Each structure stands twice: as structure tokens, then as C-alpha cells.
């Protein structure tokens, strides 16, 4: 039976080079990589305070009381905050995020969930990911080069909409590449600290469903034609059908069939129900 994807590839990943203005790019990944502990603390603080201004003030006051560097704490907060503000655009709202993270079986699953927020917010991350995913359409994950040199080369090739390059120093590019590799290692793409090749990561049940819902929000019932959330998690198209079968076993997805096509839709209050999983 057809799985909702058309024959051939009508949803080829395109380069994002030249698609972003200078005001849309930043070095947030240098200030803060995927930090589970700090991100959870910021989410809890926001849920406690109810607004970002108060949460920011409380964050700095508490870090100062703990004798931590205020400037470093401010940089981390300012880098993580805009990622979390992507909540609601297909990703879990912050009121549900703690429960969803608790529902994850492994720390890697939690990091895969937070990775979705990073990708949704950081345009430079999106650009580099698309460069890799274009290659993934022609070769396997273990055929990709995840060396710092290759990542820096991508950054060197980046151009804004006006043709200008990234305003990153050479040391910043190197640090960005190191942190990007760290992100890929934390979600299971790179297996070792010094490794330059990758593998298709195992995706936990919770991040699998979060990435599926994120994809569904973009394409509605045609999302399986181009499940961007899964693609960003380095799942090649040969993995989409097995991952879809996992959704079929979940009570949070309904199965639909019409004219020989099968697709899946999330139930109402999806994230509230996902956060109740234990």
C-alpha cells in the first residue's frame, strides 16, 4: 500500500544559501550548544514566572547568588531563549515540555527533542543541515564528512540575501563547527568525539512523535511526502515507512486511508497526551 509519498522525489531538499538576511543569522550555537540541564532550568523558570523579562531577571539573580559568571549566564540564557520561543510552531509549548522530557526513556531522546527547537530557530544550523541533507539524497549517512574542516567550508560558502558572507571570525567558525559536531554527537549521528563519519541515529518514541507532529503542522495530511522533522534527524527515506509503523502503534495518532493512500494524523491535545506517557 502507498504510504502517502509520491513515486519519485518531488520534495528534494534544497540549499538555503542566499535565503537569509543579515538580521536572521547569529552565533547562538557558540554561546550555548544543546545543554539539557540549562534548558530545563530555563523552561522551569519561565513556567514559574510566566514571562521572559521576569525569567531573565530571576535567572541572573540566581546565577549571581550561586557565584556563577553573570555575563556567561546571560549569554547562555539569550542563546537558549529564542529556541524555546519556537514553542507552539509545531513544537511542544513550554507548559508541556517538562512532562514530555520526563516521558523520554533516555537522555539522548531528550536531546533529540531539544534539537528540534534549535533547528527551528537557528538559520545557520538550518543552512548547514540542508547542505548535508542534499548530500544524503545521494549517499548514505556514513558517507558524509562531519569534520570541522567540512563544516567550516560550508560556513565560508554561506551568503546572505545581499550576497554578503557570515560575519564570523575564523576562531568563531571553528568553535561553531565544534559545537555543531557536539550537537550531532548528542543526538546519535556522530558516535565518537573525534569521529568524522556518521550513522543513522536511533530515534526514541517521544522525539519520533514530536518530529512527526512538527512535520504534520507544516504539510497537514501530506506530511509523509516530506517529513522534515525526521529528515532533520538524519532519517533517510528508506526509514520513513518503518517509523510510520511505529506511529500506527501509538494511541496518539489516528490512521486514515483513502484511494489506496495511508496517512496519519495526531489526536486532539496531542502534546498534553504525549506528556502523560510514562
C-alpha atoms as a PDB file:
ATOM      1  CA  UNK A   1       0.000   0.000   0.000  1.00  0.00           C
ATOM      2  CA  UNK A   2       1.196   3.527  -0.732  1.00  0.00           C
ATOM      3  CA  UNK A   3       2.485   5.320   2.333  1.00  0.00           C
ATOM      4  CA  UNK A   4       1.474   8.859   1.326  1.00  0.00           C
ATOM      5  CA  UNK A   5       4.642   9.626  -0.616  1.00  0.00           C
ATOM      6  CA  UNK A   6       4.519  10.046  -4.387  1.00  0.00           C
ATOM      7  CA  UNK A   7       6.640   7.949  -6.733  1.00  0.00           C
ATOM      8  CA  UNK A   8       9.948   9.656  -7.317  1.00  0.00           C
ATOM      9  CA  UNK A   9      11.228  12.537  -5.234  1.00  0.00           C
ATOM     10  CA  UNK A  10       9.092  15.657  -5.567  1.00  0.00           C
ATOM     11  CA  UNK A  11      10.356  17.082  -2.283  1.00  0.00           C
ATOM     12  CA  UNK A  12      14.076  17.287  -2.818  1.00  0.00           C
ATOM     13  CA  UNK A  13      15.981  19.166  -0.126  1.00  0.00           C
ATOM     14  CA  UNK A  14      17.256  22.486  -1.484  1.00  0.00           C
ATOM     15  CA  UNK A  15      20.162  24.629  -0.389  1.00  0.00           C
ATOM     16  CA  UNK A  16      19.277  27.594   1.813  1.00  0.00           C
ATOM     17  CA  UNK A  17      22.268  29.601   0.657  1.00  0.00           C
ATOM     18  CA  UNK A  18      21.197  33.165  -0.153  1.00  0.00           C
ATOM     19  CA  UNK A  19      17.852  32.764   1.636  1.00  0.00           C
ATOM     20  CA  UNK A  20      18.517  34.642   4.900  1.00  0.00           C
ATOM     21  CA  UNK A  21      19.130  38.306   5.680  1.00  0.00           C
ATOM     22  CA  UNK A  22      21.935  39.511   7.931  1.00  0.00           C
ATOM     23  CA  UNK A  23      19.449  40.161  10.739  1.00  0.00           C
ATOM     24  CA  UNK A  24      18.449  36.469  10.681  1.00  0.00           C
ATOM     25  CA  UNK A  25      21.875  34.927  11.356  1.00  0.00           C
ATOM     26  CA  UNK A  26      23.724  34.810  14.663  1.00  0.00           C
ATOM     27  CA  UNK A  27      26.336  32.871  16.655  1.00  0.00           C
ATOM     28  CA  UNK A  28      23.922  31.452  19.213  1.00  0.00           C
ATOM     29  CA  UNK A  29      25.359  27.955  18.818  1.00  0.00           C
ATOM     30  CA  UNK A  30      28.726  29.287  20.002  1.00  0.00           C
ATOM     31  CA  UNK A  31      27.157  30.775  23.146  1.00  0.00           C
ATOM     32  CA  UNK A  32      25.191  27.626  24.004  1.00  0.00           C
ATOM     33  CA  UNK A  33      25.122  24.192  22.426  1.00  0.00           C
ATOM     34  CA  UNK A  34      22.474  21.596  23.338  1.00  0.00           C
ATOM     35  CA  UNK A  35      22.550  21.935  27.125  1.00  0.00           C
ATOM     36  CA  UNK A  36      19.872  19.783  28.706  1.00  0.00           C
ATOM     37  CA  UNK A  37      20.379  20.971  32.285  1.00  0.00           C
ATOM     38  CA  UNK A  38      20.368  24.697  31.500  1.00  0.00           C
ATOM     39  CA  UNK A  39      17.478  24.410  29.049  1.00  0.00           C
ATOM     40  CA  UNK A  40      15.314  22.554  31.549  1.00  0.00           C
ATOM     41  CA  UNK A  41      16.150  25.127  34.214  1.00  0.00           C
ATOM     42  CA  UNK A  42      15.136  27.979  31.894  1.00  0.00           C
ATOM     43  CA  UNK A  43      11.888  26.210  30.947  1.00  0.00           C
ATOM     44  CA  UNK A  44      11.029  25.642  34.610  1.00  0.00           C
ATOM     45  CA  UNK A  45      11.838  29.261  35.431  1.00  0.00           C
ATOM     46  CA  UNK A  46       9.697  30.584  32.582  1.00  0.00           C
ATOM     47  CA  UNK A  47       6.785  28.380  33.647  1.00  0.00           C
ATOM     48  CA  UNK A  48       7.213  29.685  37.189  1.00  0.00           C
ATOM     49  CA  UNK A  49       7.458  33.373  36.211  1.00  0.00           C
ATOM     50  CA  UNK A  50       5.075  33.428  33.264  1.00  0.00           C
ATOM     51  CA  UNK A  51       7.038  35.948  31.177  1.00  0.00           C
ATOM     52  CA  UNK A  52      10.516  36.224  29.702  1.00  0.00           C
ATOM     53  CA  UNK A  53      11.507  39.534  31.309  1.00  0.00           C
ATOM     54  CA  UNK A  54      10.975  38.255  34.840  1.00  0.00           C
ATOM     55  CA  UNK A  55      12.526  34.904  33.955  1.00  0.00           C
ATOM     56  CA  UNK A  56      15.657  36.648  32.663  1.00  0.00           C
ATOM     57  CA  UNK A  57      15.993  38.751  35.809  1.00  0.00           C
ATOM     58  CA  UNK A  58      15.492  35.729  38.052  1.00  0.00           C
ATOM     59  CA  UNK A  59      17.979  33.707  36.019  1.00  0.00           C
ATOM     60  CA  UNK A  60      20.752  36.252  36.509  1.00  0.00           C
ATOM     61  CA  UNK A  61      19.948  36.812  40.182  1.00  0.00           C
ATOM     62  CA  UNK A  62      20.074  33.106  40.938  1.00  0.00           C
ATOM     63  CA  UNK A  63      23.273  32.574  38.968  1.00  0.00           C
ATOM     64  CA  UNK A  64      24.900  35.503  40.780  1.00  0.00           C
ATOM     65  CA  UNK A  65      23.847  34.032  44.130  1.00  0.00           C
ATOM     66  CA  UNK A  66      25.481  30.756  43.064  1.00  0.00           C
ATOM     67  CA  UNK A  67      28.654  32.762  42.297  1.00  0.00           C
ATOM     68  CA  UNK A  68      28.495  31.943  38.617  1.00  0.00           C
ATOM     69  CA  UNK A  69      29.680  34.392  35.956  1.00  0.00           C
ATOM     70  CA  UNK A  70      26.813  36.752  35.195  1.00  0.00           C
ATOM     71  CA  UNK A  71      27.977  37.537  31.663  1.00  0.00           C
ATOM     72  CA  UNK A  72      28.336  33.870  30.771  1.00  0.00           C
ATOM     73  CA  UNK A  73      24.917  33.143  32.270  1.00  0.00           C
ATOM     74  CA  UNK A  74      23.399  35.993  30.278  1.00  0.00           C
ATOM     75  CA  UNK A  75      24.899  34.702  27.024  1.00  0.00           C
ATOM     76  CA  UNK A  76      23.563  31.198  27.647  1.00  0.00           C
ATOM     77  CA  UNK A  77      20.087  32.482  28.514  1.00  0.00           C
ATOM     78  CA  UNK A  78      19.968  34.763  25.476  1.00  0.00           C
ATOM     79  CA  UNK A  79      21.022  31.886  23.197  1.00  0.00           C
ATOM     80  CA  UNK A  80      18.566  29.321  24.584  1.00  0.00           C
ATOM     81  CA  UNK A  81      15.580  31.670  24.998  1.00  0.00           C
ATOM     82  CA  UNK A  82      14.838  32.218  21.264  1.00  0.00           C
ATOM     83  CA  UNK A  83      14.945  28.457  20.675  1.00  0.00           C
ATOM     84  CA  UNK A  84      12.286  27.943  23.328  1.00  0.00           C
ATOM     85  CA  UNK A  85      10.228  30.753  21.815  1.00  0.00           C
ATOM     86  CA  UNK A  86       9.760  28.465  18.804  1.00  0.00           C
ATOM     87  CA  UNK A  87       7.353  26.517  21.046  1.00  0.00           C
ATOM     88  CA  UNK A  88       3.892  26.376  19.539  1.00  0.00           C
ATOM     89  CA  UNK A  89       5.089  26.396  15.932  1.00  0.00           C
ATOM     90  CA  UNK A  90       4.557  22.658  15.760  1.00  0.00           C
ATOM     91  CA  UNK A  91       6.813  22.054  18.761  1.00  0.00           C
ATOM     92  CA  UNK A  92       5.613  21.485  22.351  1.00  0.00           C
ATOM     93  CA  UNK A  93       4.566  24.606  24.264  1.00  0.00           C
ATOM     94  CA  UNK A  94       6.670  25.199  27.358  1.00  0.00           C
ATOM     95  CA  UNK A  95       3.882  24.177  29.712  1.00  0.00           C
ATOM     96  CA  UNK A  96       4.041  20.652  28.256  1.00  0.00           C
ATOM     97  CA  UNK A  97       7.791  20.416  27.605  1.00  0.00           C
ATOM     98  CA  UNK A  98       8.869  19.285  31.121  1.00  0.00           C
ATOM     99  CA  UNK A  99       6.395  16.393  31.043  1.00  0.00           C
ATOM    100  CA  UNK A 100       7.457  15.450  27.529  1.00  0.00           C
ATOM    101  CA  UNK A 101      11.129  15.423  28.517  1.00  0.00           C
ATOM    102  CA  UNK A 102      10.259  13.290  31.544  1.00  0.00           C
ATOM    103  CA  UNK A 103       8.446  10.866  29.243  1.00  0.00           C
ATOM    104  CA  UNK A 104      11.674  10.226  27.315  1.00  0.00           C
ATOM    105  CA  UNK A 105      13.380   6.944  28.126  1.00  0.00           C
ATOM    106  CA  UNK A 106      16.947   8.147  27.579  1.00  0.00           C
ATOM    107  CA  UNK A 107      18.866  11.394  27.837  1.00  0.00           C
ATOM    108  CA  UNK A 108      19.576  11.133  24.110  1.00  0.00           C
ATOM    109  CA  UNK A 109      15.813  11.159  23.465  1.00  0.00           C
ATOM    110  CA  UNK A 110      15.527  14.374  25.491  1.00  0.00           C
ATOM    111  CA  UNK A 111      18.338  15.960  23.492  1.00  0.00           C
ATOM    112  CA  UNK A 112      16.665  14.914  20.229  1.00  0.00           C
ATOM    113  CA  UNK A 113      13.547  16.806  21.347  1.00  0.00           C
ATOM    114  CA  UNK A 114      15.549  19.946  22.212  1.00  0.00           C
ATOM    115  CA  UNK A 115      17.430  19.617  18.931  1.00  0.00           C
ATOM    116  CA  UNK A 116      14.155  20.301  17.098  1.00  0.00           C
ATOM    117  CA  UNK A 117      13.896  23.695  18.844  1.00  0.00           C
ATOM    118  CA  UNK A 118      17.484  24.525  17.863  1.00  0.00           C
ATOM    119  CA  UNK A 119      16.863  23.678  14.209  1.00  0.00           C
ATOM    120  CA  UNK A 120      13.570  25.591  14.119  1.00  0.00           C
ATOM    121  CA  UNK A 121      15.219  28.784  15.401  1.00  0.00           C
ATOM    122  CA  UNK A 122      18.827  28.863  14.140  1.00  0.00           C
ATOM    123  CA  UNK A 123      19.068  29.705  10.445  1.00  0.00           C
ATOM    124  CA  UNK A 124      22.803  28.915  10.234  1.00  0.00           C
ATOM    125  CA  UNK A 125      22.102  25.447  11.644  1.00  0.00           C
ATOM    126  CA  UNK A 126      19.303  25.070   9.074  1.00  0.00           C
ATOM    127  CA  UNK A 127      21.663  26.087   6.263  1.00  0.00           C
ATOM    128  CA  UNK A 128      24.414  23.611   7.235  1.00  0.00           C
ATOM    129  CA  UNK A 129      21.836  20.850   7.781  1.00  0.00           C
ATOM    130  CA  UNK A 130      20.417  21.399   4.308  1.00  0.00           C
ATOM    131  CA  UNK A 131      23.907  21.161   2.814  1.00  0.00           C
ATOM    132  CA  UNK A 132      24.292  17.753   4.456  1.00  0.00           C
ATOM    133  CA  UNK A 133      20.751  16.602   3.664  1.00  0.00           C
ATOM    134  CA  UNK A 134      21.281  17.427  -0.014  1.00  0.00           C
ATOM    135  CA  UNK A 135      24.213  15.001   0.067  1.00  0.00           C
ATOM    136  CA  UNK A 136      22.123  12.461   1.998  1.00  0.00           C
ATOM    137  CA  UNK A 137      19.778  12.290  -1.002  1.00  0.00           C
ATOM    138  CA  UNK A 138      22.684  10.822  -2.995  1.00  0.00           C
ATOM    139  CA  UNK A 139      24.607   8.811  -0.408  1.00  0.00           C
ATOM    140  CA  UNK A 140      24.274   7.155   2.991  1.00  0.00           C
ATOM    141  CA  UNK A 141      24.819   8.933   6.326  1.00  0.00           C
ATOM    142  CA  UNK A 142      28.105   7.106   6.855  1.00  0.00           C
ATOM    143  CA  UNK A 143      29.295   8.600   3.556  1.00  0.00           C
ATOM    144  CA  UNK A 144      29.015  12.171   4.879  1.00  0.00           C
ATOM    145  CA  UNK A 145      32.025  14.135   6.108  1.00  0.00           C
ATOM    146  CA  UNK A 146      31.352  15.661   9.525  1.00  0.00           C
ATOM    147  CA  UNK A 147      34.855  17.011  10.041  1.00  0.00           C
ATOM    148  CA  UNK A 148      35.328  20.532  11.359  1.00  0.00           C
ATOM    149  CA  UNK A 149      37.055  21.385   8.090  1.00  0.00           C
ATOM    150  CA  UNK A 150      33.970  20.468   6.065  1.00  0.00           C
ATOM    151  CA  UNK A 151      31.632  22.380   8.382  1.00  0.00           C
ATOM    152  CA  UNK A 152      33.835  25.480   8.237  1.00  0.00           C
ATOM    153  CA  UNK A 153      33.890  25.171   4.435  1.00  0.00           C
ATOM    154  CA  UNK A 154      30.078  25.301   4.446  1.00  0.00           C
ATOM    155  CA  UNK A 155      30.215  28.412   6.647  1.00  0.00           C
ATOM    156  CA  UNK A 156      32.729  30.020   4.274  1.00  0.00           C
ATOM    157  CA  UNK A 157      30.370  29.386   1.359  1.00  0.00           C
ATOM    158  CA  UNK A 158      27.340  30.924   3.111  1.00  0.00           C
ATOM    159  CA  UNK A 159      25.895  34.091   1.618  1.00  0.00           C
ATOM    160  CA  UNK A 160      23.078  36.335   2.837  1.00  0.00           C
ATOM    161  CA  UNK A 161      20.327  37.573   0.547  1.00  0.00           C
ATOM    162  CA  UNK A 162      22.506  40.588  -0.339  1.00  0.00           C
ATOM    163  CA  UNK A 163      25.487  38.371  -1.201  1.00  0.00           C
ATOM    164  CA  UNK A 164      27.473  39.140   1.956  1.00  0.00           C
ATOM    165  CA  UNK A 165      29.190  36.315   3.889  1.00  0.00           C
ATOM    166  CA  UNK A 166      28.739  35.447   7.539  1.00  0.00           C
ATOM    167  CA  UNK A 167      30.404  37.955   9.839  1.00  0.00           C
ATOM    168  CA  UNK A 168      32.157  35.186  11.785  1.00  0.00           C
ATOM    169  CA  UNK A 169      35.844  35.310  12.663  1.00  0.00           C
ATOM    170  CA  UNK A 170      37.923  32.230  11.856  1.00  0.00           C
ATOM    171  CA  UNK A 171      38.006  31.249  15.528  1.00  0.00           C
ATOM    172  CA  UNK A 172      34.222  31.657  15.761  1.00  0.00           C
ATOM    173  CA  UNK A 173      33.723  29.418  12.723  1.00  0.00           C
ATOM    174  CA  UNK A 174      35.954  26.788  14.282  1.00  0.00           C
ATOM    175  CA  UNK A 175      34.078  26.965  17.592  1.00  0.00           C
ATOM    176  CA  UNK A 176      30.744  26.850  15.746  1.00  0.00           C
ATOM    177  CA  UNK A 177      31.869  23.740  13.890  1.00  0.00           C
ATOM    178  CA  UNK A 178      32.998  22.088  17.112  1.00  0.00           C
ATOM    179  CA  UNK A 179      29.643  22.797  18.770  1.00  0.00           C
ATOM    180  CA  UNK A 180      27.707  21.630  15.709  1.00  0.00           C
ATOM    181  CA  UNK A 181      29.607  18.355  15.816  1.00  0.00           C
ATOM    182  CA  UNK A 182      28.781  18.160  19.526  1.00  0.00           C
ATOM    183  CA  UNK A 183      25.089  18.563  18.709  1.00  0.00           C
ATOM    184  CA  UNK A 184      25.244  15.733  16.175  1.00  0.00           C
ATOM    185  CA  UNK A 185      27.079  13.568  18.693  1.00  0.00           C
ATOM    186  CA  UNK A 186      24.458  14.253  21.368  1.00  0.00           C
ATOM    187  CA  UNK A 187      21.588  13.111  19.091  1.00  0.00           C
ATOM    188  CA  UNK A 188      23.433   9.996  17.924  1.00  0.00           C
ATOM    189  CA  UNK A 189      24.629  10.924  14.418  1.00  0.00           C
ATOM    190  CA  UNK A 190      28.341  11.033  15.318  1.00  0.00           C
ATOM    191  CA  UNK A 191      29.427   8.224  17.621  1.00  0.00           C
ATOM    192  CA  UNK A 192      32.756   9.496  18.972  1.00  0.00           C
ATOM    193  CA  UNK A 193      34.344  12.811  19.884  1.00  0.00           C
ATOM    194  CA  UNK A 194      36.998  12.608  17.179  1.00  0.00           C
ATOM    195  CA  UNK A 195      34.906  10.775  14.581  1.00  0.00           C
ATOM    196  CA  UNK A 196      34.155  12.437  11.245  1.00  0.00           C
ATOM    197  CA  UNK A 197      31.666   9.936   9.837  1.00  0.00           C
ATOM    198  CA  UNK A 198      28.100   9.371  10.935  1.00  0.00           C
ATOM    199  CA  UNK A 199      25.304   6.845  11.339  1.00  0.00           C
ATOM    200  CA  UNK A 200      21.531   6.972  11.113  1.00  0.00           C
ATOM    201  CA  UNK A 201      20.607   7.684  14.745  1.00  0.00           C
ATOM    202  CA  UNK A 202      18.118   5.616  16.677  1.00  0.00           C
ATOM    203  CA  UNK A 203      15.118   7.837  17.424  1.00  0.00           C
ATOM    204  CA  UNK A 204      13.257   7.382  20.681  1.00  0.00           C
ATOM    205  CA  UNK A 205       9.463   7.120  20.694  1.00  0.00           C
ATOM    206  CA  UNK A 206       8.941  10.617  22.125  1.00  0.00           C
ATOM    207  CA  UNK A 207      11.257  12.544  19.741  1.00  0.00           C
ATOM    208  CA  UNK A 208       9.897  10.444  16.867  1.00  0.00           C
ATOM    209  CA  UNK A 209       6.387  11.691  17.611  1.00  0.00           C
ATOM    210  CA  UNK A 210       7.489  15.280  18.265  1.00  0.00           C
ATOM    211  CA  UNK A 211       9.299  15.390  14.910  1.00  0.00           C
ATOM    212  CA  UNK A 212       6.280  13.801  13.202  1.00  0.00           C
ATOM    213  CA  UNK A 213       3.874  16.356  14.697  1.00  0.00           C
ATOM    214  CA  UNK A 214       6.240  19.188  13.716  1.00  0.00           C
ATOM    215  CA  UNK A 215       6.196  17.825  10.138  1.00  0.00           C
ATOM    216  CA  UNK A 216       2.411  17.406  10.173  1.00  0.00           C
ATOM    217  CA  UNK A 217       1.961  21.050  11.212  1.00  0.00           C
ATOM    218  CA  UNK A 218       3.791  22.093   8.033  1.00  0.00           C
ATOM    219  CA  UNK A 219       2.078  19.857   5.445  1.00  0.00           C
ATOM    220  CA  UNK A 220      -1.082  18.590   7.158  1.00  0.00           C
ATOM    221  CA  UNK A 221      -2.167  15.173   5.869  1.00  0.00           C
ATOM    222  CA  UNK A 222       0.539  15.203   3.164  1.00  0.00           C
ATOM    223  CA  UNK A 223       3.350  15.437   5.713  1.00  0.00           C
ATOM    224  CA  UNK A 224       4.661  11.939   4.965  1.00  0.00           C
ATOM    225  CA  UNK A 225       5.618  13.148   1.500  1.00  0.00           C
ATOM    226  CA  UNK A 226       8.272  15.304   3.143  1.00  0.00           C
ATOM    227  CA  UNK A 227       8.646  14.631   6.890  1.00  0.00           C
ATOM    228  CA  UNK A 228      11.131  17.417   7.563  1.00  0.00           C
ATOM    229  CA  UNK A 229      11.302  16.645  11.280  1.00  0.00           C
ATOM    230  CA  UNK A 230      12.528  13.132  10.536  1.00  0.00           C
ATOM    231  CA  UNK A 231      14.828  14.344   7.780  1.00  0.00           C
ATOM    232  CA  UNK A 232      16.449  16.820  10.170  1.00  0.00           C
ATOM    233  CA  UNK A 233      17.103  13.830  12.447  1.00  0.00           C
ATOM    234  CA  UNK A 234      19.017  12.208   9.561  1.00  0.00           C
ATOM    235  CA  UNK A 235      16.366   9.604   8.770  1.00  0.00           C
ATOM    236  CA  UNK A 236      16.730   8.675   5.068  1.00  0.00           C
ATOM    237  CA  UNK A 237      13.552   7.971   3.105  1.00  0.00           C
ATOM    238  CA  UNK A 238      14.027   4.211   3.427  1.00  0.00           C
ATOM    239  CA  UNK A 239      13.377   4.664   7.161  1.00  0.00           C
ATOM    240  CA  UNK A 240      10.112   6.607   6.796  1.00  0.00           C
ATOM    241  CA  UNK A 241       7.855   3.577   6.396  1.00  0.00           C
ATOM    242  CA  UNK A 242       9.253   1.741   9.467  1.00  0.00           C
ATOM    243  CA  UNK A 243       8.945   4.946  11.500  1.00  0.00           C
ATOM    244  CA  UNK A 244       5.366   5.350  10.278  1.00  0.00           C
ATOM    245  CA  UNK A 245       4.606   1.850  11.511  1.00  0.00           C
ATOM    246  CA  UNK A 246       5.695   2.957  14.965  1.00  0.00           C
ATOM    247  CA  UNK A 247       3.162   5.788  14.814  1.00  0.00           C
ATOM    248  CA  UNK A 248       0.463   3.275  13.917  1.00  0.00           C
ATOM    249  CA  UNK A 249       1.092   1.590  17.272  1.00  0.00           C
ATOM    250  CA  UNK A 250       0.660   4.850  19.206  1.00  0.00           C
ATOM    251  CA  UNK A 251      -2.676   5.873  20.705  1.00  0.00           C
ATOM    252  CA  UNK A 252      -1.797   9.491  19.894  1.00  0.00           C
ATOM    253  CA  UNK A 253      -2.080   9.035  16.114  1.00  0.00           C
ATOM    254  CA  UNK A 254      -5.103   8.091  14.032  1.00  0.00           C
ATOM    255  CA  UNK A 255      -4.777   6.137  10.798  1.00  0.00           C
ATOM    256  CA  UNK A 256      -6.605   7.184   7.631  1.00  0.00           C
ATOM    257  CA  UNK A 257      -6.914   5.542   4.230  1.00  0.00           C
ATOM    258  CA  UNK A 258      -8.363   6.896   1.011  1.00  0.00           C
ATOM    259  CA  UNK A 259      -7.888   5.835  -2.608  1.00  0.00           C
ATOM    260  CA  UNK A 260      -5.141   3.422  -1.625  1.00  0.00           C
ATOM    261  CA  UNK A 261      -3.211   6.043   0.322  1.00  0.00           C
ATOM    262  CA  UNK A 262      -2.480   5.677   4.028  1.00  0.00           C
ATOM    263  CA  UNK A 263      -1.628   8.592   6.289  1.00  0.00           C
ATOM    264  CA  UNK A 264      -1.518   9.507   9.967  1.00  0.00           C
ATOM    265  CA  UNK A 265      -2.889  12.438  11.933  1.00  0.00           C
ATOM    266  CA  UNK A 266      -2.296  13.379  15.585  1.00  0.00           C
ATOM    267  CA  UNK A 267      -5.199  13.270  18.021  1.00  0.00           C
ATOM    268  CA  UNK A 268      -6.530  16.421  19.695  1.00  0.00           C
ATOM    269  CA  UNK A 269      -4.451  17.723  22.642  1.00  0.00           C
ATOM    270  CA  UNK A 270      -1.540  15.741  21.245  1.00  0.00           C
ATOM    271  CA  UNK A 271       1.238  17.252  23.361  1.00  0.00           C
ATOM    272  CA  UNK A 272      -0.790  17.115  26.573  1.00  0.00           C
ATOM    273  CA  UNK A 273      -1.270  13.383  25.966  1.00  0.00           C
ATOM    274  CA  UNK A 274       2.373  12.856  24.978  1.00  0.00           C
ATOM    275  CA  UNK A 275       3.476  14.429  28.250  1.00  0.00           C
ATOM    276  CA  UNK A 276       1.371  11.902  30.152  1.00  0.00           C
ATOM    277  CA  UNK A 277       3.386   8.995  28.721  1.00  0.00           C
ATOM    278  CA  UNK A 278       5.415   7.095  31.322  1.00  0.00           C
END
